[in-house]
Amino acid sequence: MLTTTNSSEVAITIRDKQIAEEHIKDVELLLENMFKREEATLKLVVDRLYDIGSNNLINQRVKPHRLNRLMKWIARLTKPMFHHMAVRWSKKNCPKLITDWLYSQVQFPQSPMGNSEF
């Protein structure tokens, strides 16, 4: 036996999906704008993370004290290049990554029984 779905329910579902897609695009645009406006903050965050990460990596992997100091010196020399690449990558990719993550946080799995009423 074939059952037909109520066309108004289908229309509401399609309209809800379209609204959700528009809102997600808005969130992504807002995040892109924020990354452009707050570039100084982004640069400071990248710098601090580089300092912490390079120090931890060198301390963990390089044991001789003299070699440890040399590696930290090399890490300081490469910081401007990393800084430039990381800021550029972040401005390009982070808004989409953050938007996708936030969207996944507001998605709720469908119940196996379908639409249940409270």
Protein backbone atom coordinates (compact mmCIF):
# COMPACT_ATOMS: atom_id res chain seq x y z
CA MET A 1 0.00 0.00 0.00
CA LEU A 2 1.40 3.37 -0.98
CA THR A 3 1.02 6.35 1.27
CA THR A 4 1.32 9.93 0.20
CA THR A 5 3.06 12.53 2.28
CA ASN A 6 1.37 15.75 3.12
CA SER A 7 2.69 18.34 0.67
CA SER A 8 2.53 21.12 3.27
CA GLU A 9 4.87 19.14 5.55
CA VAL A 10 7.30 18.67 2.65
CA ALA A 11 7.12 22.37 1.82
CA ILE A 12 7.83 23.29 5.44
CA THR A 13 10.81 20.93 5.55
CA ILE A 14 12.26 22.31 2.31
CA ARG A 15 11.69 25.88 3.48
CA ASP A 16 13.35 25.11 6.84
CA LYS A 17 16.38 23.64 5.05
CA GLN A 18 16.65 26.71 2.82
CA ILE A 19 16.44 29.03 5.83
CA ALA A 20 19.08 26.97 7.65
CA GLU A 21 21.40 27.15 4.62
CA GLU A 22 20.95 30.92 4.41
CA HIS A 23 21.70 31.30 8.11
CA ILE A 24 24.82 29.12 7.80
CA LYS A 25 26.04 31.31 4.92
CA ASP A 26 25.41 34.37 7.12
CA VAL A 27 27.40 32.84 9.97
CA GLU A 28 30.30 32.10 7.62
CA LEU A 29 30.24 35.68 6.27
CA LEU A 30 30.19 37.06 9.80
CA LEU A 31 33.17 34.91 10.75
CA GLU A 32 35.08 36.00 7.62
CA ASN A 33 34.38 39.61 8.53
CA MET A 34 35.51 39.01 12.09
CA PHE A 35 38.79 37.46 10.92
CA LYS A 36 39.43 40.48 8.69
CA ARG A 37 38.56 43.02 11.40
CA GLU A 38 40.42 41.23 14.17
CA GLU A 39 43.59 40.49 12.21
CA ALA A 40 45.78 41.89 15.00
CA THR A 41 44.18 39.48 17.46
CA LEU A 42 44.64 36.59 15.04
CA LYS A 43 48.32 37.47 14.64
CA LEU A 44 48.84 37.53 18.40
CA VAL A 45 47.08 34.18 18.83
CA VAL A 46 49.21 32.61 16.07
CA ASP A 47 52.40 34.03 17.60
CA ARG A 48 51.60 32.71 21.06
CA LEU A 49 50.63 29.29 19.78
CA TYR A 50 53.83 29.10 17.72
CA ASP A 51 55.94 30.01 20.75
CA ILE A 52 54.26 27.42 22.95
CA GLY A 53 54.20 24.69 20.31
CA SER A 54 57.81 25.13 19.15
CA ASN A 55 59.11 25.20 22.74
CA ASN A 56 57.15 22.10 23.72
CA LEU A 57 58.18 20.21 20.58
CA ILE A 58 61.86 21.08 20.98
CA ASN A 59 61.88 20.26 24.69
CA GLN A 60 60.19 16.93 24.02
CA ARG A 61 62.28 15.83 21.02
CA VAL A 62 65.73 17.40 21.58
CA LYS A 63 67.52 16.35 24.76
CA PRO A 64 71.12 17.66 24.60
CA HIS A 65 71.15 21.16 26.11
CA ARG A 66 73.37 22.76 23.44
CA LEU A 67 71.32 21.31 20.60
CA ASN A 68 68.15 22.38 22.40
CA ARG A 69 69.29 26.03 22.40
CA LEU A 70 70.26 25.82 18.71
CA MET A 71 66.85 24.45 17.78
CA LYS A 72 65.08 27.22 19.72
CA TRP A 73 67.19 29.78 17.86
CA ILE A 74 66.21 28.19 14.53
CA ALA A 75 62.55 28.23 15.62
CA ARG A 76 62.79 31.98 16.26
CA LEU A 77 64.27 32.51 12.80
CA THR A 78 61.45 30.61 11.08
CA LYS A 79 58.70 32.33 13.08
CA PRO A 80 58.03 35.21 10.60
CA MET A 81 57.54 32.81 7.69
CA PHE A 82 55.29 30.55 9.75
CA HIS A 83 53.42 33.59 11.04
CA HIS A 84 52.67 34.85 7.53
CA MET A 85 51.55 31.42 6.28
CA ALA A 86 49.44 30.66 9.36
CA VAL A 87 47.60 34.00 9.29
CA ARG A 88 46.87 33.63 5.58
CA TRP A 89 45.68 30.03 6.01
CA SER A 90 43.54 30.96 9.02
CA LYS A 91 41.81 33.83 7.26
CA LYS A 92 41.06 31.58 4.30
CA ASN A 93 39.99 28.35 6.05
CA CYS A 94 38.94 29.02 9.64
CA PRO A 95 35.57 30.67 8.95
CA LYS A 96 34.39 27.61 6.99
CA LEU A 97 35.83 25.15 9.54
CA ILE A 98 34.27 27.00 12.47
CA THR A 99 30.93 27.32 10.67
CA ASP A 100 30.86 23.60 9.91
CA TRP A 101 31.74 22.78 13.51
CA LEU A 102 29.09 25.13 14.90
CA TYR A 103 26.49 23.71 12.52
CA SER A 104 27.33 20.19 13.70
CA GLN A 105 26.72 21.36 17.27
CA VAL A 106 23.14 22.40 16.51
CA GLN A 107 22.22 19.30 14.50
CA PHE A 108 20.15 16.78 16.37
CA PRO A 109 19.74 13.17 15.22
CA GLN A 110 16.33 12.16 13.93
CA SER A 111 14.44 9.91 16.31
CA PRO A 112 13.87 6.37 14.95
CA MET A 113 10.12 6.80 15.33
CA GLY A 114 10.06 9.83 13.03
CA ASN A 115 8.59 13.09 14.24
CA SER A 116 7.56 12.52 17.83
CA GLU A 117 5.30 14.95 19.60
CA PHE A 118 5.79 16.03 23.18
